[in-house]
Amino acid sequence: MDMRQLVGRNFARLRAASGLTQEQLAERCGVSQQYISGLEKGKRNPTIVTLYHIAQGLGVSHVELVRED
């Protein structure tokens, strides 16, 4: 499986479960809403640092973003 797709799917699921919009999460993480959208679509290749900040914004471990279902 493509890691970008895996991270995007996990990211979208966790964001929805937290009740946050893309815009709200973008503000928490210090990135743009367009960047969040690209991540969820599997079109972005986030750095480890970005994954860490996103996980913090979601209130989860960074491991949750790369875990296979």
N, C-alpha and C. Protein backbone atom coordinates (compact mmCIF):
# COMPACT_ATOMS: atom_id res chain seq x y z
N MET A 1 0.84 -1.19 0.00
CA MET A 1 0.00 0.00 0.00
C MET A 1 0.88 1.25 0.00
N ASP A 2 0.46 2.23 -0.72
CA ASP A 2 1.15 3.53 -0.77
C ASP A 2 1.00 4.22 0.59
N MET A 3 2.12 4.60 1.18
CA MET A 3 2.09 5.24 2.51
C MET A 3 1.32 6.56 2.50
N ARG A 4 1.37 7.30 1.40
CA ARG A 4 0.61 8.55 1.36
C ARG A 4 -0.88 8.27 1.45
N GLN A 5 -1.34 7.22 0.78
CA GLN A 5 -2.75 6.84 0.84
C GLN A 5 -3.13 6.37 2.25
N LEU A 6 -2.25 5.58 2.86
CA LEU A 6 -2.50 5.07 4.20
C LEU A 6 -2.60 6.22 5.21
N VAL A 7 -1.63 7.11 5.17
CA VAL A 7 -1.64 8.26 6.09
C VAL A 7 -2.87 9.12 5.83
N GLY A 8 -3.19 9.35 4.58
CA GLY A 8 -4.36 10.16 4.25
C GLY A 8 -5.66 9.57 4.76
N ARG A 9 -5.80 8.26 4.60
CA ARG A 9 -7.02 7.59 5.06
C ARG A 9 -7.11 7.65 6.59
N ASN A 10 -6.01 7.35 7.27
CA ASN A 10 -6.00 7.42 8.74
C ASN A 10 -6.25 8.83 9.23
N PHE A 11 -5.62 9.76 8.57
CA PHE A 11 -5.75 11.16 8.95
C PHE A 11 -7.20 11.63 8.82
N ALA A 12 -7.84 11.32 7.70
CA ALA A 12 -9.23 11.73 7.48
C ALA A 12 -10.15 11.08 8.51
N ARG A 13 -9.92 9.82 8.80
CA ARG A 13 -10.75 9.10 9.78
C ARG A 13 -10.60 9.71 11.17
N LEU A 14 -9.36 9.96 11.58
CA LEU A 14 -9.12 10.52 12.91
C LEU A 14 -9.64 11.95 13.03
N ARG A 15 -9.50 12.73 11.96
CA ARG A 15 -10.01 14.10 11.98
C ARG A 15 -11.52 14.11 12.12
N ALA A 16 -12.19 13.26 11.34
CA ALA A 16 -13.65 13.19 11.41
C ALA A 16 -14.11 12.72 12.80
N ALA A 17 -13.40 11.74 13.35
CA ALA A 17 -13.76 11.22 14.68
C ALA A 17 -13.60 12.28 15.76
N SER A 18 -12.68 13.21 15.54
CA SER A 18 -12.46 14.27 16.53
C SER A 18 -13.44 15.42 16.35
N GLY A 19 -14.20 15.40 15.26
CA GLY A 19 -15.20 16.44 15.03
C GLY A 19 -14.62 17.75 14.53
N LEU A 20 -13.40 17.69 13.99
CA LEU A 20 -12.75 18.91 13.50
C LEU A 20 -12.92 19.06 11.99
N THR A 21 -13.05 20.27 11.54
CA THR A 21 -13.03 20.54 10.11
C THR A 21 -11.57 20.60 9.67
N GLN A 22 -11.36 20.56 8.36
CA GLN A 22 -10.00 20.70 7.84
C GLN A 22 -9.42 22.05 8.26
N GLU A 23 -10.23 23.06 8.23
CA GLU A 23 -9.77 24.41 8.60
C GLU A 23 -9.36 24.48 10.07
N GLN A 24 -10.17 23.91 10.94
CA GLN A 24 -9.85 23.94 12.36
C GLN A 24 -8.55 23.19 12.65
N LEU A 25 -8.39 22.04 12.02
CA LEU A 25 -7.17 21.28 12.25
C LEU A 25 -5.96 21.98 11.66
N ALA A 26 -6.13 22.59 10.52
CA ALA A 26 -5.03 23.34 9.90
C ALA A 26 -4.53 24.42 10.84
N GLU A 27 -5.44 25.12 11.49
CA GLU A 27 -5.05 26.16 12.45
C GLU A 27 -4.26 25.57 13.61
N ARG A 28 -4.72 24.45 14.11
CA ARG A 28 -4.03 23.79 15.23
C ARG A 28 -2.62 23.35 14.86
N CYS A 29 -2.45 22.93 13.61
CA CYS A 29 -1.17 22.35 13.17
C CYS A 29 -0.24 23.36 12.52
N GLY A 30 -0.73 24.54 12.23
CA GLY A 30 0.10 25.56 11.60
C GLY A 30 0.34 25.31 10.12
N VAL A 31 -0.63 24.69 9.45
CA VAL A 31 -0.55 24.47 8.01
C VAL A 31 -1.82 25.01 7.37
N SER A 32 -1.88 25.00 6.05
CA SER A 32 -3.07 25.51 5.36
C SER A 32 -4.13 24.42 5.22
N GLN A 33 -5.35 24.86 5.00
CA GLN A 33 -6.45 23.91 4.76
C GLN A 33 -6.18 23.13 3.49
N GLN A 34 -5.57 23.75 2.51
CA GLN A 34 -5.25 23.07 1.26
C GLN A 34 -4.24 21.94 1.49
N TYR A 35 -3.31 22.17 2.41
CA TYR A 35 -2.33 21.14 2.74
C TYR A 35 -3.03 19.95 3.39
N ILE A 36 -3.94 20.23 4.32
CA ILE A 36 -4.72 19.17 4.98
C ILE A 36 -5.50 18.37 3.94
N SER A 37 -6.13 19.06 3.02
CA SER A 37 -6.89 18.40 1.96
C SER A 37 -5.99 17.49 1.13
N GLY A 38 -4.82 17.99 0.77
CA GLY A 38 -3.88 17.19 -0.01
C GLY A 38 -3.41 15.95 0.74
N LEU A 39 -3.23 16.09 2.06
CA LEU A 39 -2.84 14.93 2.87
C LEU A 39 -3.94 13.87 2.85
N GLU A 40 -5.18 14.32 3.07
CA GLU A 40 -6.29 13.37 3.11
C GLU A 40 -6.49 12.66 1.78
N LYS A 41 -6.17 13.32 0.70
CA LYS A 41 -6.31 12.71 -0.63
C LYS A 41 -5.11 11.85 -1.00
N GLY A 42 -4.09 11.83 -0.14
CA GLY A 42 -2.89 11.05 -0.42
C GLY A 42 -2.00 11.67 -1.47
N LYS A 43 -2.12 12.97 -1.67
CA LYS A 43 -1.32 13.67 -2.69
C LYS A 43 -0.10 14.36 -2.09
N ARG A 44 -0.03 14.46 -0.79
CA ARG A 44 1.10 15.11 -0.12
C ARG A 44 1.99 14.05 0.51
N ASN A 45 3.25 14.38 0.63
CA ASN A 45 4.22 13.50 1.26
C ASN A 45 4.77 14.23 2.49
N PRO A 46 4.09 14.09 3.63
CA PRO A 46 4.48 14.88 4.80
C PRO A 46 5.81 14.42 5.39
N THR A 47 6.52 15.35 5.99
CA THR A 47 7.74 15.02 6.70
C THR A 47 7.38 14.40 8.05
N ILE A 48 8.36 13.83 8.70
CA ILE A 48 8.15 13.26 10.02
C ILE A 48 7.72 14.35 11.00
N VAL A 49 8.31 15.51 10.88
CA VAL A 49 7.96 16.63 11.76
C VAL A 49 6.50 17.03 11.55
N THR A 50 6.07 17.09 10.30
CA THR A 50 4.67 17.43 10.01
C THR A 50 3.73 16.38 10.57
N LEU A 51 4.06 15.10 10.41
CA LEU A 51 3.24 14.03 10.98
C LEU A 51 3.11 14.19 12.49
N TYR A 52 4.20 14.55 13.12
CA TYR A 52 4.19 14.75 14.57
C TYR A 52 3.25 15.90 14.95
N HIS A 53 3.34 17.03 14.25
CA HIS A 53 2.48 18.18 14.56
C HIS A 53 1.01 17.86 14.29
N ILE A 54 0.74 17.13 13.24
CA ILE A 54 -0.64 16.76 12.93
C ILE A 54 -1.19 15.82 14.00
N ALA A 55 -0.39 14.86 14.42
CA ALA A 55 -0.82 13.94 15.47
C ALA A 55 -1.12 14.70 16.75
N GLN A 56 -0.28 15.67 17.09
CA GLN A 56 -0.54 16.49 18.27
C GLN A 56 -1.84 17.28 18.12
N GLY A 57 -2.07 17.81 16.92
CA GLY A 57 -3.31 18.55 16.67
C GLY A 57 -4.54 17.68 16.82
N LEU A 58 -4.39 16.40 16.50
CA LEU A 58 -5.50 15.45 16.62
C LEU A 58 -5.59 14.84 18.02
N GLY A 59 -4.52 15.01 18.80
CA GLY A 59 -4.51 14.41 20.13
C GLY A 59 -4.27 12.92 20.12
N VAL A 60 -3.51 12.44 19.13
CA VAL A 60 -3.21 11.02 19.02
C VAL A 60 -1.70 10.83 18.87
N SER A 61 -1.27 9.59 18.97
CA SER A 61 0.13 9.27 18.73
C SER A 61 0.41 9.33 17.23
N HIS A 62 1.62 9.74 16.88
CA HIS A 62 2.01 9.77 15.46
C HIS A 62 1.94 8.38 14.84
N VAL A 63 2.03 7.36 15.66
CA VAL A 63 1.95 5.98 15.17
C VAL A 63 0.58 5.70 14.56
N GLU A 64 -0.46 6.33 15.10
CA GLU A 64 -1.82 6.13 14.59
C GLU A 64 -1.95 6.57 13.13
N LEU A 65 -1.13 7.50 12.69
CA LEU A 65 -1.22 7.99 11.32
C LEU A 65 -0.62 7.03 10.31
N VAL A 66 0.26 6.15 10.76
CA VAL A 66 0.91 5.23 9.83
C VAL A 66 0.52 3.77 10.04
N ARG A 67 -0.38 3.52 10.97
CA ARG A 67 -0.81 2.16 11.31
C ARG A 67 -1.78 1.64 10.25
N GLU A 68 -1.52 0.40 9.80
CA GLU A 68 -2.43 -0.24 8.85
C GLU A 68 -3.64 -0.77 9.61
N ASP A 69 -4.80 -0.71 8.96
CA ASP A 69 -6.04 -1.20 9.58
C ASP A 69 -6.03 -2.70 9.69
